[in-house]
C-alpha atoms as a PDB file:
ATOM      1  CA  UNK A   1     -82.006  99.242   0.012  1.00  0.00           C
ATOM      2  CA  UNK A   2     -84.713  96.474  -0.372  1.00  0.00           C
ATOM      3  CA  UNK A   3     -83.997  92.900  -1.278  1.00  0.00           C
ATOM      4  CA  UNK A   4     -85.404  93.023  -4.753  1.00  0.00           C
ATOM      5  CA  UNK A   5     -82.568  95.881  -5.294  1.00  0.00           C
ATOM      6  CA  UNK A   6     -80.080  93.146  -4.596  1.00  0.00           C
ATOM      7  CA  UNK A   7     -81.930  89.656  -5.947  1.00  0.00           C
ATOM      8  CA  UNK A   8     -84.262  88.381  -8.052  1.00  0.00           C
ATOM      9  CA  UNK A   9     -86.337  85.151  -7.298  1.00  0.00           C
ATOM     10  CA  UNK A  10     -84.220  82.199  -7.993  1.00  0.00           C
ATOM     11  CA  UNK A  11     -85.864  79.587 -10.402  1.00  0.00           C
ATOM     12  CA  UNK A  12     -86.247  76.257  -8.783  1.00  0.00           C
ATOM     13  CA  UNK A  13     -84.474  73.505 -10.541  1.00  0.00           C
ATOM     14  CA  UNK A  14     -86.397  72.170 -13.426  1.00  0.00           C
ATOM     15  CA  UNK A  15     -88.231  68.724 -13.101  1.00  0.00           C
ATOM     16  CA  UNK A  16     -86.128  65.670 -14.432  1.00  0.00           C
ATOM     17  CA  UNK A  17     -87.656  63.362 -17.008  1.00  0.00           C
ATOM     18  CA  UNK A  18     -85.853  59.982 -17.542  1.00  0.00           C
ATOM     19  CA  UNK A  19     -84.482  58.680 -20.878  1.00  0.00           C
ATOM     20  CA  UNK A  20     -83.032  60.323 -24.051  1.00  0.00           C
ATOM     21  CA  UNK A  21     -86.008  61.991 -25.534  1.00  0.00           C
ATOM     22  CA  UNK A  22     -87.315  65.561 -26.206  1.00  0.00           C
ATOM     23  CA  UNK A  23     -88.766  65.683 -22.605  1.00  0.00           C
ATOM     24  CA  UNK A  24     -85.101  64.871 -21.529  1.00  0.00           C
ATOM     25  CA  UNK A  25     -83.584  67.666 -23.506  1.00  0.00           C
ATOM     26  CA  UNK A  26     -86.380  70.008 -22.588  1.00  0.00           C
ATOM     27  CA  UNK A  27     -85.383  69.498 -18.812  1.00  0.00           C
ATOM     28  CA  UNK A  28     -81.643  69.967 -19.735  1.00  0.00           C
ATOM     29  CA  UNK A  29     -82.477  73.083 -21.452  1.00  0.00           C
ATOM     30  CA  UNK A  30     -84.640  74.462 -18.667  1.00  0.00           C
ATOM     31  CA  UNK A  31     -81.843  73.517 -16.262  1.00  0.00           C
ATOM     32  CA  UNK A  32     -79.079  75.550 -18.360  1.00  0.00           C
ATOM     33  CA  UNK A  33     -81.481  78.345 -18.986  1.00  0.00           C
ATOM     34  CA  UNK A  34     -81.532  77.734 -22.693  1.00  0.00           C
ATOM     35  CA  UNK A  35     -84.955  79.671 -23.346  1.00  0.00           C
ATOM     36  CA  UNK A  36     -84.342  79.590 -27.261  1.00  0.00           C
ATOM     37  CA  UNK A  37     -87.376  78.819 -29.501  1.00  0.00           C
ATOM     38  CA  UNK A  38     -85.717  75.524 -30.382  1.00  0.00           C
ATOM     39  CA  UNK A  39     -85.503  74.370 -26.721  1.00  0.00           C
ATOM     40  CA  UNK A  40     -89.178  75.393 -26.289  1.00  0.00           C
ATOM     41  CA  UNK A  41     -90.039  73.345 -29.333  1.00  0.00           C
ATOM     42  CA  UNK A  42     -88.416  70.206 -28.022  1.00  0.00           C
ATOM     43  CA  UNK A  43     -90.669  70.543 -24.988  1.00  0.00           C
ATOM     44  CA  UNK A  44     -93.610  71.230 -27.132  1.00  0.00           C
ATOM     45  CA  UNK A  45     -92.799  68.171 -29.307  1.00  0.00           C
ATOM     46  CA  UNK A  46     -92.484  65.905 -26.156  1.00  0.00           C
ATOM     47  CA  UNK A  47     -95.918  66.998 -25.027  1.00  0.00           C
ATOM     48  CA  UNK A  48     -97.466  66.397 -28.572  1.00  0.00           C
ATOM     49  CA  UNK A  49     -95.724  63.084 -29.405  1.00  0.00           C
ATOM     50  CA  UNK A  50     -93.997  61.357 -26.366  1.00  0.00           C
ATOM     51  CA  UNK A  51     -95.977  58.720 -24.337  1.00  0.00           C
ATOM     52  CA  UNK A  52     -95.218  60.362 -21.218  1.00  0.00           C
ATOM     53  CA  UNK A  53     -96.393  59.366 -17.761  1.00  0.00           C
ATOM     54  CA  UNK A  54     -98.748  61.869 -15.862  1.00  0.00           C
ATOM     55  CA  UNK A  55     -95.841  62.854 -13.683  1.00  0.00           C
ATOM     56  CA  UNK A  56     -93.427  63.470 -16.761  1.00  0.00           C
ATOM     57  CA  UNK A  57     -96.190  65.363 -18.698  1.00  0.00           C
ATOM     58  CA  UNK A  58     -96.362  67.453 -15.475  1.00  0.00           C
ATOM     59  CA  UNK A  59     -92.683  67.958 -15.387  1.00  0.00           C
ATOM     60  CA  UNK A  60     -92.389  68.953 -19.065  1.00  0.00           C
ATOM     61  CA  UNK A  61     -94.897  71.440 -18.483  1.00  0.00           C
ATOM     62  CA  UNK A  62     -93.080  72.950 -15.806  1.00  0.00           C
ATOM     63  CA  UNK A  63     -89.753  72.820 -17.751  1.00  0.00           C
ATOM     64  CA  UNK A  64     -91.735  74.583 -20.650  1.00  0.00           C
ATOM     65  CA  UNK A  65     -93.048  77.214 -18.293  1.00  0.00           C
ATOM     66  CA  UNK A  66     -89.519  77.978 -17.148  1.00  0.00           C
ATOM     67  CA  UNK A  67     -88.373  78.434 -20.603  1.00  0.00           C
ATOM     68  CA  UNK A  68     -91.445  80.616 -21.325  1.00  0.00           C
ATOM     69  CA  UNK A  69     -90.971  82.509 -18.203  1.00  0.00           C
ATOM     70  CA  UNK A  70     -87.053  83.052 -18.848  1.00  0.00           C
ATOM     71  CA  UNK A  71     -87.955  84.261 -22.358  1.00  0.00           C
ATOM     72  CA  UNK A  72     -90.446  86.892 -21.287  1.00  0.00           C
ATOM     73  CA  UNK A  73     -93.715  85.014 -22.417  1.00  0.00           C
ATOM     74  CA  UNK A  74     -95.281  85.303 -19.158  1.00  0.00           C
ATOM     75  CA  UNK A  75     -98.852  84.515 -20.180  1.00  0.00           C
ATOM     76  CA  UNK A  76     -97.639  81.034 -21.730  1.00  0.00           C
ATOM     77  CA  UNK A  77     -95.530  80.432 -18.683  1.00  0.00           C
ATOM     78  CA  UNK A  78     -98.491  80.611 -16.396  1.00  0.00           C
ATOM     79  CA  UNK A  79    -100.625  78.386 -18.376  1.00  0.00           C
ATOM     80  CA  UNK A  80     -97.987  75.645 -18.616  1.00  0.00           C
ATOM     81  CA  UNK A  81     -97.301  76.113 -14.670  1.00  0.00           C
ATOM     82  CA  UNK A  82    -101.217  75.679 -14.447  1.00  0.00           C
ATOM     83  CA  UNK A  83    -101.250  72.740 -16.540  1.00  0.00           C
ATOM     84  CA  UNK A  84     -98.576  71.117 -14.489  1.00  0.00           C
ATOM     85  CA  UNK A  85    -100.379  71.785 -11.519  1.00  0.00           C
ATOM     86  CA  UNK A  86    -103.535  70.447 -12.701  1.00  0.00           C
ATOM     87  CA  UNK A  87    -101.506  66.878 -13.287  1.00  0.00           C
ATOM     88  CA  UNK A  88     -99.745  67.133  -9.976  1.00  0.00           C
ATOM     89  CA  UNK A  89    -101.179  69.761  -7.488  1.00  0.00           C
ATOM     90  CA  UNK A  90     -98.503  69.236  -5.336  1.00  0.00           C
ATOM     91  CA  UNK A  91     -95.641  69.896  -7.857  1.00  0.00           C
ATOM     92  CA  UNK A  92     -93.180  72.099  -5.698  1.00  0.00           C
ATOM     93  CA  UNK A  93     -91.213  73.164  -8.703  1.00  0.00           C
ATOM     94  CA  UNK A  94     -94.403  74.275 -10.589  1.00  0.00           C
ATOM     95  CA  UNK A  95     -95.340  76.374  -7.572  1.00  0.00           C
ATOM     96  CA  UNK A  96     -92.001  77.925  -6.830  1.00  0.00           C
ATOM     97  CA  UNK A  97     -91.500  78.843 -10.541  1.00  0.00           C
ATOM     98  CA  UNK A  98     -95.035  80.169 -10.830  1.00  0.00           C
ATOM     99  CA  UNK A  99     -94.589  82.065  -7.742  1.00  0.00           C
ATOM    100  CA  UNK A 100     -91.292  83.524  -9.099  1.00  0.00           C
ATOM    101  CA  UNK A 101     -93.196  84.726 -12.308  1.00  0.00           C
ATOM    102  CA  UNK A 102     -95.945  86.142 -10.136  1.00  0.00           C
ATOM    103  CA  UNK A 103     -93.035  88.157  -8.177  1.00  0.00           C
ATOM    104  CA  UNK A 104     -91.618  89.363 -11.560  1.00  0.00           C
ATOM    105  CA  UNK A 105     -94.931  90.692 -12.805  1.00  0.00           C
ATOM    106  CA  UNK A 106     -95.436  92.137  -9.443  1.00  0.00           C
ATOM    107  CA  UNK A 107     -98.211  90.364  -8.451  1.00  0.00           C
ATOM    108  CA  UNK A 108     -97.133  89.706  -4.955  1.00  0.00           C
ATOM    109  CA  UNK A 109    -100.095  88.290  -3.262  1.00  0.00           C
ATOM    110  CA  UNK A 110    -100.383  85.422  -5.787  1.00  0.00           C
ATOM    111  CA  UNK A 111     -96.726  84.835  -5.474  1.00  0.00           C
ATOM    112  CA  UNK A 112     -97.237  84.402  -1.621  1.00  0.00           C
ATOM    113  CA  UNK A 113    -100.030  81.942  -2.224  1.00  0.00           C
ATOM    114  CA  UNK A 114     -97.866  79.636  -4.460  1.00  0.00           C
ATOM    115  CA  UNK A 115     -94.790  79.982  -2.050  1.00  0.00           C
ATOM    116  CA  UNK A 116     -97.307  79.004   1.074  1.00  0.00           C
ATOM    117  CA  UNK A 117     -98.371  75.880  -1.141  1.00  0.00           C
ATOM    118  CA  UNK A 118     -94.928  75.080  -1.901  1.00  0.00           C
ATOM    119  CA  UNK A 119     -93.965  75.329   1.989  1.00  0.00           C
ATOM    120  CA  UNK A 120     -97.102  73.165   2.738  1.00  0.00           C
ATOM    121  CA  UNK A 121     -96.190  70.325   0.269  1.00  0.00           C
ATOM    122  CA  UNK A 122     -92.519  70.620   1.282  1.00  0.00           C
ATOM    123  CA  UNK A 123     -93.219  70.289   4.921  1.00  0.00           C
ATOM    124  CA  UNK A 124     -91.584  73.676   5.409  1.00  0.00           C
ATOM    125  CA  UNK A 125     -88.223  72.274   4.579  1.00  0.00           C
ATOM    126  CA  UNK A 126     -87.407  74.009   1.234  1.00  0.00           C
ATOM    127  CA  UNK A 127     -84.983  76.973   1.634  1.00  0.00           C
ATOM    128  CA  UNK A 128     -85.415  78.395  -1.734  1.00  0.00           C
ATOM    129  CA  UNK A 129     -89.026  78.972  -1.228  1.00  0.00           C
ATOM    130  CA  UNK A 130     -88.242  80.778   2.172  1.00  0.00           C
ATOM    131  CA  UNK A 131     -85.612  82.923   0.288  1.00  0.00           C
ATOM    132  CA  UNK A 132     -88.088  83.617  -2.586  1.00  0.00           C
ATOM    133  CA  UNK A 133     -91.012  84.312  -0.489  1.00  0.00           C
ATOM    134  CA  UNK A 134     -88.905  86.744   1.682  1.00  0.00           C
ATOM    135  CA  UNK A 135     -88.747  89.092  -1.656  1.00  0.00           C
ATOM    136  CA  UNK A 136     -92.557  89.183  -2.012  1.00  0.00           C
ATOM    137  CA  UNK A 137     -92.891  89.497   1.866  1.00  0.00           C
ATOM    138  CA  UNK A 138     -90.843  92.865   1.526  1.00  0.00           C
ATOM    139  CA  UNK A 139     -92.839  94.119  -1.530  1.00  0.00           C
ATOM    140  CA  UNK A 140     -95.864  93.745   0.492  1.00  0.00           C
ATOM    141  CA  UNK A 141     -94.447  95.843   3.377  1.00  0.00           C
ATOM    142  CA  UNK A 142     -94.037  92.729   5.650  1.00  0.00           C
ATOM    143  CA  UNK A 143     -90.249  93.574   6.630  1.00  0.00           C
ATOM    144  CA  UNK A 144     -90.359  91.352   9.809  1.00  0.00           C
ATOM    145  CA  UNK A 145     -91.754  88.467   8.100  1.00  0.00           C
ATOM    146  CA  UNK A 146     -89.414  88.995   5.068  1.00  0.00           C
ATOM    147  CA  UNK A 147     -86.423  88.977   7.676  1.00  0.00           C
ATOM    148  CA  UNK A 148     -87.863  85.921   9.430  1.00  0.00           C
ATOM    149  CA  UNK A 149     -88.205  84.022   5.798  1.00  0.00           C
ATOM    150  CA  UNK A 150     -84.564  84.712   5.309  1.00  0.00           C
ATOM    151  CA  UNK A 151     -83.581  83.570   8.575  1.00  0.00           C
ATOM    152  CA  UNK A 152     -85.223  80.314   7.842  1.00  0.00           C
ATOM    153  CA  UNK A 153     -83.725  79.936   4.638  1.00  0.00           C
ATOM    154  CA  UNK A 154     -80.076  80.190   6.133  1.00  0.00           C
ATOM    155  CA  UNK A 155     -80.959  77.966   8.607  1.00  0.00           C
ATOM    156  CA  UNK A 156     -82.159  75.387   6.163  1.00  0.00           C
ATOM    157  CA  UNK A 157     -79.159  76.067   4.070  1.00  0.00           C
ATOM    158  CA  UNK A 158     -76.367  77.521   5.981  1.00  0.00           C
ATOM    159  CA  UNK A 159     -73.804  76.888   3.058  1.00  0.00           C
ATOM    160  CA  UNK A 160     -75.832  78.995   0.559  1.00  0.00           C
ATOM    161  CA  UNK A 161     -73.887  82.160   0.064  1.00  0.00           C
ATOM    162  CA  UNK A 162     -76.602  84.010  -1.872  1.00  0.00           C
ATOM    163  CA  UNK A 163     -78.894  83.449   1.182  1.00  0.00           C
ATOM    164  CA  UNK A 164     -76.336  84.418   3.562  1.00  0.00           C
ATOM    165  CA  UNK A 165     -75.595  87.760   1.648  1.00  0.00           C
ATOM    166  CA  UNK A 166     -79.140  88.559   1.424  1.00  0.00           C
ATOM    167  CA  UNK A 167     -79.611  88.388   5.274  1.00  0.00           C
ATOM    168  CA  UNK A 168     -76.633  90.437   5.754  1.00  0.00           C
ATOM    169  CA  UNK A 169     -77.683  92.985   3.488  1.00  0.00           C
ATOM    170  CA  UNK A 170     -81.248  93.129   4.630  1.00  0.00           C
ATOM    171  CA  UNK A 171     -82.193  96.625   6.115  1.00  0.00           C
END
């Protein structure tokens, strides 16, 4: 049994935006997985009417992208992740979440490119990227590399039960 039969990529934690605002409520909705139209609309309002810094604008696009992705609106999610990365090219959460969406769309080579960039910007210290990248590696037929990525995820976060279970189940 392969990893994808056991696991799906994990969404990276949403980017935080400070202050009580539509952008903050958008962040909270993304963090809680509340991908309703009303939550997505909060993100849209924040982008349209709030005076956001470039960093907060990129974070809000990432959060709305997460919500679009969770609600099955892949093209809109990809657009938002792209906008976030235009504003902040090294935004790890946008790279991870776009990579996750590519995995769900079975576009594994594109997922690998995003995960590799996320590892570059995190200086190889992000266990979630290694875990999610292992799923894409396996689908590309790279069993040894997939196992190595799982090992690295467990080394970085040995307390993470999901990572340890995936490694134990790896065949």
